[in-house]
Amino acid sequence: MNQTLDCPILGLDTDFPNRLHVVKHPPSGKFGCYCHDGVHGLACFSSEEGAFRFAEWIDLSNMASEEVSFDEAREIAKARPLPIVSLMLLDNLEDPKIHFVR
């Protein structure tokens, strides 16, 4: 029997904030990314403080937080090379919210 899943793709039922903070290395144009359970994604945060805490883990100097819209964050994630396939809201590293972009 055919069934329709309530949420066939992880992340579609998750509300992301309209404004997000991403971590960027301006000299190289690279963005902070994260891997959770084998899924790679662009790291994003609902606060600048969260972005700066995450940036402390990255072994590059001159990391900056950049505030972007949800749509802009999706476009940044899409522009990243594979294996980046999602946008990850990392306000809680134990339970990230994942929105697939490809």
C-alpha atoms as a PDB file:
ATOM      1  CA  MET A   1       0.000   0.000   0.000  1.00  0.00           C
ATOM      2  CA  ASN A   2       1.317   3.475  -0.859  1.00  0.00           C
ATOM      3  CA  GLN A   3       1.870   5.913   1.993  1.00  0.00           C
ATOM      4  CA  THR A   4       2.634   9.590   2.126  1.00  0.00           C
ATOM      5  CA  LEU A   5       5.152  10.501   4.785  1.00  0.00           C
ATOM      6  CA  ASP A   6       4.388  13.473   7.018  1.00  0.00           C
ATOM      7  CA  CYS A   7       7.955  14.743   6.608  1.00  0.00           C
ATOM      8  CA  PRO A   8       9.734  12.856   3.798  1.00  0.00           C
ATOM      9  CA  ILE A   9      12.840  15.065   3.890  1.00  0.00           C
ATOM     10  CA  LEU A  10      14.608  15.912   7.124  1.00  0.00           C
ATOM     11  CA  GLY A  11      14.436  19.609   7.835  1.00  0.00           C
ATOM     12  CA  LEU A  12      11.277  20.571   5.984  1.00  0.00           C
ATOM     13  CA  ASP A  13       9.303  20.737   9.221  1.00  0.00           C
ATOM     14  CA  THR A  14      11.946  22.859  10.984  1.00  0.00           C
ATOM     15  CA  ASP A  15      11.526  26.590  11.301  1.00  0.00           C
ATOM     16  CA  PHE A  16      14.764  28.441  10.724  1.00  0.00           C
ATOM     17  CA  PRO A  17      15.063  32.090  11.803  1.00  0.00           C
ATOM     18  CA  ASN A  18      14.678  34.680   9.035  1.00  0.00           C
ATOM     19  CA  ARG A  19      18.115  36.111   9.920  1.00  0.00           C
ATOM     20  CA  LEU A  20      21.110  33.849  10.485  1.00  0.00           C
ATOM     21  CA  HIS A  21      24.780  34.259  11.324  1.00  0.00           C
ATOM     22  CA  VAL A  22      27.393  32.359   9.346  1.00  0.00           C
ATOM     23  CA  VAL A  23      31.129  32.158   9.981  1.00  0.00           C
ATOM     24  CA  LYS A  24      33.336  33.442   7.177  1.00  0.00           C
ATOM     25  CA  HIS A  25      37.075  33.776   6.609  1.00  0.00           C
ATOM     26  CA  PRO A  26      37.159  37.005   4.528  1.00  0.00           C
ATOM     27  CA  PRO A  27      40.735  36.611   3.204  1.00  0.00           C
ATOM     28  CA  SER A  28      39.913  33.248   1.578  1.00  0.00           C
ATOM     29  CA  GLY A  29      36.129  33.507   1.139  1.00  0.00           C
ATOM     30  CA  LYS A  30      35.670  30.193   2.986  1.00  0.00           C
ATOM     31  CA  PHE A  31      32.719  29.544   5.300  1.00  0.00           C
ATOM     32  CA  GLY A  32      32.465  27.463   8.457  1.00  0.00           C
ATOM     33  CA  CYS A  33      30.907  24.068   7.868  1.00  0.00           C
ATOM     34  CA  TYR A  34      30.006  21.149  10.117  1.00  0.00           C
ATOM     35  CA  CYS A  35      29.416  17.412   9.806  1.00  0.00           C
ATOM     36  CA  HIS A  36      26.710  15.681  11.883  1.00  0.00           C
ATOM     37  CA  ASP A  37      26.013  11.958  11.461  1.00  0.00           C
ATOM     38  CA  GLY A  38      27.695  11.974   8.047  1.00  0.00           C
ATOM     39  CA  VAL A  39      25.738  14.981   6.738  1.00  0.00           C
ATOM     40  CA  HIS A  40      27.873  17.986   5.813  1.00  0.00           C
ATOM     41  CA  GLY A  41      26.416  21.469   5.961  1.00  0.00           C
ATOM     42  CA  LEU A  42      27.040  25.188   6.168  1.00  0.00           C
ATOM     43  CA  ALA A  43      27.100  26.114   9.851  1.00  0.00           C
ATOM     44  CA  CYS A  44      24.634  28.824  10.850  1.00  0.00           C
ATOM     45  CA  PHE A  45      23.429  30.295  14.125  1.00  0.00           C
ATOM     46  CA  SER A  46      20.533  32.398  15.367  1.00  0.00           C
ATOM     47  CA  SER A  47      22.960  34.666  17.269  1.00  0.00           C
ATOM     48  CA  GLU A  48      26.293  36.286  16.559  1.00  0.00           C
ATOM     49  CA  GLU A  49      27.563  34.940  19.887  1.00  0.00           C
ATOM     50  CA  GLY A  50      26.946  31.361  18.727  1.00  0.00           C
ATOM     51  CA  ALA A  51      28.808  32.036  15.502  1.00  0.00           C
ATOM     52  CA  PHE A  52      31.816  33.434  17.365  1.00  0.00           C
ATOM     53  CA  ARG A  53      31.893  30.446  19.758  1.00  0.00           C
ATOM     54  CA  PHE A  54      31.933  28.121  16.740  1.00  0.00           C
ATOM     55  CA  ALA A  55      34.666  30.202  15.050  1.00  0.00           C
ATOM     56  CA  GLU A  56      36.922  29.568  18.048  1.00  0.00           C
ATOM     57  CA  TRP A  57      37.091  25.890  16.979  1.00  0.00           C
ATOM     58  CA  ILE A  58      38.361  26.775  13.496  1.00  0.00           C
ATOM     59  CA  ASP A  59      42.111  26.888  13.058  1.00  0.00           C
ATOM     60  CA  LEU A  60      42.167  30.113  11.014  1.00  0.00           C
ATOM     61  CA  SER A  61      42.686  33.660  12.210  1.00  0.00           C
ATOM     62  CA  ASN A  62      40.483  36.574  11.126  1.00  0.00           C
ATOM     63  CA  MET A  63      37.212  34.619  11.201  1.00  0.00           C
ATOM     64  CA  ALA A  64      34.140  36.872  11.097  1.00  0.00           C
ATOM     65  CA  SER A  65      30.425  36.506  11.682  1.00  0.00           C
ATOM     66  CA  GLU A  66      28.215  37.628   8.830  1.00  0.00           C
ATOM     67  CA  GLU A  67      24.469  38.165   9.220  1.00  0.00           C
ATOM     68  CA  VAL A  68      22.469  36.906   6.251  1.00  0.00           C
ATOM     69  CA  SER A  69      18.866  36.088   5.426  1.00  0.00           C
ATOM     70  CA  PHE A  70      17.704  32.487   5.363  1.00  0.00           C
ATOM     71  CA  ASP A  71      17.572  32.613   1.552  1.00  0.00           C
ATOM     72  CA  GLU A  72      21.103  34.035   1.366  1.00  0.00           C
ATOM     73  CA  ALA A  73      22.351  31.264   3.678  1.00  0.00           C
ATOM     74  CA  ARG A  74      20.709  28.664   1.419  1.00  0.00           C
ATOM     75  CA  GLU A  75      22.479  30.153  -1.612  1.00  0.00           C
ATOM     76  CA  ILE A  76      25.836  30.158   0.210  1.00  0.00           C
ATOM     77  CA  ALA A  77      25.314  26.489   1.116  1.00  0.00           C
ATOM     78  CA  LYS A  78      24.366  25.593  -2.469  1.00  0.00           C
ATOM     79  CA  ALA A  79      27.521  27.313  -3.745  1.00  0.00           C
ATOM     80  CA  ARG A  80      29.794  25.238  -1.483  1.00  0.00           C
ATOM     81  CA  PRO A  81      31.450  22.247  -3.112  1.00  0.00           C
ATOM     82  CA  LEU A  82      30.381  18.726  -2.258  1.00  0.00           C
ATOM     83  CA  PRO A  83      30.125  17.169   0.283  1.00  0.00           C
ATOM     84  CA  ILE A  84      28.169  20.221   1.579  1.00  0.00           C
ATOM     85  CA  VAL A  85      24.501  19.352   1.015  1.00  0.00           C
ATOM     86  CA  SER A  86      22.690  21.263   3.751  1.00  0.00           C
ATOM     87  CA  LEU A  87      22.274  24.299   5.941  1.00  0.00           C
ATOM     88  CA  MET A  88      22.730  23.427   9.637  1.00  0.00           C
ATOM     89  CA  LEU A  89      21.344  25.497  12.476  1.00  0.00           C
ATOM     90  CA  LEU A  90      23.851  24.713  15.227  1.00  0.00           C
ATOM     91  CA  ASP A  91      22.389  26.526  18.225  1.00  0.00           C
ATOM     92  CA  ASN A  92      22.448  23.071  19.867  1.00  0.00           C
ATOM     93  CA  LEU A  93      25.355  20.981  18.546  1.00  0.00           C
ATOM     94  CA  GLU A  94      23.774  17.836  20.017  1.00  0.00           C
ATOM     95  CA  ASP A  95      20.587  18.401  17.996  1.00  0.00           C
ATOM     96  CA  PRO A  96      21.295  20.481  14.885  1.00  0.00           C
ATOM     97  CA  LYS A  97      18.409  21.501  12.641  1.00  0.00           C
ATOM     98  CA  ILE A  98      19.193  20.381   9.106  1.00  0.00           C
ATOM     99  CA  HIS A  99      17.761  21.883   5.931  1.00  0.00           C
ATOM    100  CA  PHE A 100      18.888  20.108   2.763  1.00  0.00           C
ATOM    101  CA  VAL A 101      19.735  22.325  -0.198  1.00  0.00           C
ATOM    102  CA  ARG A 102      20.568  19.507  -2.643  1.00  0.00           C
END
